[in-house]
Amino acid sequence: MADNIVMSEMTWTEVDEALKDRPVAILPVGATQAHGPHLPVSTHAVLAVEMSRRGVASRRAGAHGQSG
C-alpha cells in the first residue's frame, strides 16, 4: 500500500498502482471564504484535507490492529 495518499501529490503511475490496491477515493471539499484577517480563505479546505488524512490513518491503524 502506498504511503502517499494525496492524489495531487502523486504521479499518475502512483495513482494507478494505488487504485489497484484500493479503488475508493475520498474527495475532501471545503468552502473558500473570508474568516477575518487572522485566517486564510482556505481554512475549510485545509480542515477537510486534514480530516481526510486522519480518517485514512485511523482506518489503516484499525486494519493493523492498532489503537490510537
N, C-alpha and C. Protein backbone atom coordinates (compact mmCIF):
# COMPACT_ATOMS: atom_id res chain seq x y z
N MET A 1 0.85 -1.19 0.00
CA MET A 1 0.00 0.00 0.00
C MET A 1 0.89 1.24 0.00
N ALA A 2 0.60 2.18 -0.83
CA ALA A 2 1.41 3.39 -0.93
C ALA A 2 1.30 4.23 0.34
N ASP A 3 2.42 4.86 0.71
CA ASP A 3 2.41 5.73 1.88
C ASP A 3 1.71 7.04 1.58
N ASN A 4 1.94 7.57 0.38
CA ASN A 4 1.32 8.83 -0.01
C ASN A 4 -0.12 8.57 -0.41
N ILE A 5 -1.04 9.33 0.14
CA ILE A 5 -2.45 9.11 -0.14
C ILE A 5 -3.12 10.30 -0.82
N VAL A 6 -2.36 11.37 -1.06
CA VAL A 6 -2.93 12.57 -1.66
C VAL A 6 -2.64 12.55 -3.16
N MET A 7 -3.69 12.36 -3.95
CA MET A 7 -3.52 12.19 -5.39
C MET A 7 -2.81 13.37 -6.05
N SER A 8 -3.06 14.57 -5.58
CA SER A 8 -2.43 15.74 -6.20
C SER A 8 -0.93 15.78 -5.96
N GLU A 9 -0.44 14.96 -5.04
CA GLU A 9 1.00 14.88 -4.76
C GLU A 9 1.63 13.63 -5.36
N MET A 10 0.84 12.84 -6.10
CA MET A 10 1.31 11.58 -6.67
C MET A 10 1.50 11.71 -8.17
N THR A 11 2.36 10.85 -8.71
CA THR A 11 2.47 10.76 -10.17
C THR A 11 1.31 9.91 -10.68
N TRP A 12 1.07 9.94 -11.97
CA TRP A 12 -0.06 9.15 -12.50
C TRP A 12 0.18 7.67 -12.33
N THR A 13 1.45 7.23 -12.33
CA THR A 13 1.72 5.81 -12.13
C THR A 13 1.47 5.40 -10.68
N GLU A 14 1.77 6.30 -9.74
CA GLU A 14 1.47 6.01 -8.33
C GLU A 14 -0.03 5.94 -8.10
N VAL A 15 -0.78 6.84 -8.75
CA VAL A 15 -2.24 6.82 -8.63
C VAL A 15 -2.78 5.52 -9.21
N ASP A 16 -2.28 5.12 -10.35
CA ASP A 16 -2.72 3.88 -10.98
C ASP A 16 -2.48 2.68 -10.06
N GLU A 17 -1.31 2.60 -9.47
CA GLU A 17 -0.99 1.50 -8.55
C GLU A 17 -1.87 1.55 -7.31
N ALA A 18 -2.06 2.74 -6.74
CA ALA A 18 -2.86 2.89 -5.52
C ALA A 18 -4.31 2.47 -5.75
N LEU A 19 -4.84 2.80 -6.92
CA LEU A 19 -6.24 2.46 -7.20
C LEU A 19 -6.44 0.97 -7.45
N LYS A 20 -5.37 0.27 -7.80
CA LYS A 20 -5.46 -1.18 -7.93
C LYS A 20 -5.63 -1.83 -6.56
N ASP A 21 -4.93 -1.27 -5.56
CA ASP A 21 -5.00 -1.79 -4.19
C ASP A 21 -6.30 -1.42 -3.49
N ARG A 22 -6.77 -0.22 -3.71
CA ARG A 22 -7.97 0.27 -3.04
C ARG A 22 -8.71 1.22 -3.98
N PRO A 23 -9.74 0.72 -4.65
CA PRO A 23 -10.43 1.51 -5.68
C PRO A 23 -11.44 2.52 -5.11
N VAL A 24 -11.15 3.09 -3.97
CA VAL A 24 -12.02 4.08 -3.36
C VAL A 24 -11.20 5.34 -3.12
N ALA A 25 -11.78 6.49 -3.41
CA ALA A 25 -11.11 7.76 -3.18
C ALA A 25 -11.98 8.64 -2.29
N ILE A 26 -11.34 9.39 -1.41
CA ILE A 26 -12.05 10.36 -0.57
C ILE A 26 -11.76 11.73 -1.17
N LEU A 27 -12.82 12.47 -1.44
CA LEU A 27 -12.67 13.80 -2.02
C LEU A 27 -12.99 14.85 -0.97
N PRO A 28 -11.95 15.44 -0.36
CA PRO A 28 -12.21 16.47 0.64
C PRO A 28 -12.67 17.77 -0.04
N VAL A 29 -13.74 18.33 0.48
CA VAL A 29 -14.30 19.55 -0.09
C VAL A 29 -14.51 20.56 1.03
N GLY A 30 -14.08 21.78 0.79
CA GLY A 30 -14.26 22.83 1.78
C GLY A 30 -14.50 24.16 1.09
N ALA A 31 -15.25 25.00 1.74
CA ALA A 31 -15.57 26.32 1.18
C ALA A 31 -14.34 27.23 1.19
N THR A 32 -14.33 28.17 0.28
CA THR A 32 -13.31 29.22 0.26
C THR A 32 -14.05 30.52 0.58
N GLN A 33 -13.75 31.05 1.76
CA GLN A 33 -14.44 32.26 2.19
C GLN A 33 -13.60 33.01 3.21
N ALA A 34 -13.91 34.26 3.39
CA ALA A 34 -13.16 35.10 4.33
C ALA A 34 -13.50 34.75 5.77
N HIS A 35 -12.49 34.74 6.61
CA HIS A 35 -12.67 34.47 8.04
C HIS A 35 -12.05 35.58 8.87
N GLY A 36 -11.99 36.76 8.36
CA GLY A 36 -11.35 37.86 9.05
C GLY A 36 -9.86 37.88 8.71
N PRO A 37 -9.13 38.81 9.29
CA PRO A 37 -7.73 38.99 8.92
C PRO A 37 -6.79 37.94 9.51
N HIS A 38 -7.28 37.07 10.38
CA HIS A 38 -6.41 36.13 11.09
C HIS A 38 -6.35 34.73 10.49
N LEU A 39 -7.25 34.38 9.58
CA LEU A 39 -7.25 33.04 8.99
C LEU A 39 -7.24 33.13 7.47
N PRO A 40 -6.65 32.12 6.82
CA PRO A 40 -6.65 32.12 5.35
C PRO A 40 -8.03 31.78 4.79
N VAL A 41 -8.27 32.16 3.56
CA VAL A 41 -9.56 31.86 2.94
C VAL A 41 -9.71 30.37 2.68
N SER A 42 -8.64 29.63 2.74
CA SER A 42 -8.69 28.18 2.50
C SER A 42 -8.93 27.37 3.78
N THR A 43 -9.32 28.00 4.87
CA THR A 43 -9.47 27.31 6.16
C THR A 43 -10.31 26.05 6.06
N HIS A 44 -11.48 26.12 5.45
CA HIS A 44 -12.36 24.95 5.36
C HIS A 44 -11.74 23.85 4.49
N ALA A 45 -11.08 24.23 3.42
CA ALA A 45 -10.44 23.24 2.55
C ALA A 45 -9.28 22.57 3.29
N VAL A 46 -8.50 23.33 4.03
CA VAL A 46 -7.40 22.77 4.81
C VAL A 46 -7.94 21.78 5.84
N LEU A 47 -9.01 22.15 6.52
CA LEU A 47 -9.61 21.26 7.51
C LEU A 47 -10.16 19.99 6.86
N ALA A 48 -10.77 20.11 5.71
CA ALA A 48 -11.31 18.94 5.01
C ALA A 48 -10.21 17.97 4.61
N VAL A 49 -9.10 18.50 4.12
CA VAL A 49 -7.97 17.65 3.75
C VAL A 49 -7.41 16.95 4.98
N GLU A 50 -7.23 17.67 6.06
CA GLU A 50 -6.67 17.07 7.28
C GLU A 50 -7.61 16.02 7.87
N MET A 51 -8.90 16.27 7.85
CA MET A 51 -9.85 15.26 8.32
C MET A 51 -9.79 14.01 7.47
N SER A 52 -9.61 14.17 6.16
CA SER A 52 -9.48 13.02 5.27
C SER A 52 -8.22 12.24 5.58
N ARG A 53 -7.11 12.95 5.76
CA ARG A 53 -5.84 12.29 6.10
C ARG A 53 -5.97 11.48 7.39
N ARG A 54 -6.57 12.10 8.40
CA ARG A 54 -6.72 11.43 9.69
C ARG A 54 -7.67 10.24 9.60
N GLY A 55 -8.70 10.36 8.81
CA GLY A 55 -9.63 9.25 8.63
C GLY A 55 -8.94 8.05 7.99
N VAL A 56 -8.11 8.32 6.99
CA VAL A 56 -7.37 7.24 6.35
C VAL A 56 -6.36 6.64 7.32
N ALA A 57 -5.66 7.49 8.07
CA ALA A 57 -4.67 6.99 9.04
C ALA A 57 -5.35 6.14 10.10
N SER A 58 -6.52 6.56 10.55
CA SER A 58 -7.27 5.80 11.55
C SER A 58 -7.70 4.46 10.99
N ARG A 59 -8.15 4.46 9.76
CA ARG A 59 -8.58 3.23 9.09
C ARG A 59 -7.41 2.26 8.93
N ARG A 60 -6.26 2.81 8.55
CA ARG A 60 -5.06 1.98 8.41
C ARG A 60 -4.65 1.38 9.75
N ALA A 61 -4.67 2.20 10.80
CA ALA A 61 -4.30 1.72 12.13
C ALA A 61 -5.25 0.61 12.59
N GLY A 62 -6.54 0.77 12.34
CA GLY A 62 -7.52 -0.23 12.69
C GLY A 62 -7.33 -1.52 11.93
N ALA A 63 -6.93 -1.39 10.68
CA ALA A 63 -6.70 -2.58 9.86
C ALA A 63 -5.49 -3.38 10.33
N HIS A 64 -4.59 -2.70 11.02
CA HIS A 64 -3.38 -3.36 11.51
C HIS A 64 -3.47 -3.68 13.00
N GLY A 65 -4.66 -3.55 13.58
CA GLY A 65 -4.86 -3.91 14.98
C GLY A 65 -4.29 -2.92 15.97
N GLN A 66 -4.04 -1.69 15.52
CA GLN A 66 -3.51 -0.66 16.41
C GLN A 66 -4.63 0.20 16.91
N SER A 67 -4.45 0.80 18.03
CA SER A 67 -5.44 1.77 18.54
C SER A 67 -4.77 3.12 18.61
N GLY A 68 -5.60 4.17 18.63
CA GLY A 68 -4.96 5.47 18.71
C GLY A 68 -5.83 6.52 18.34
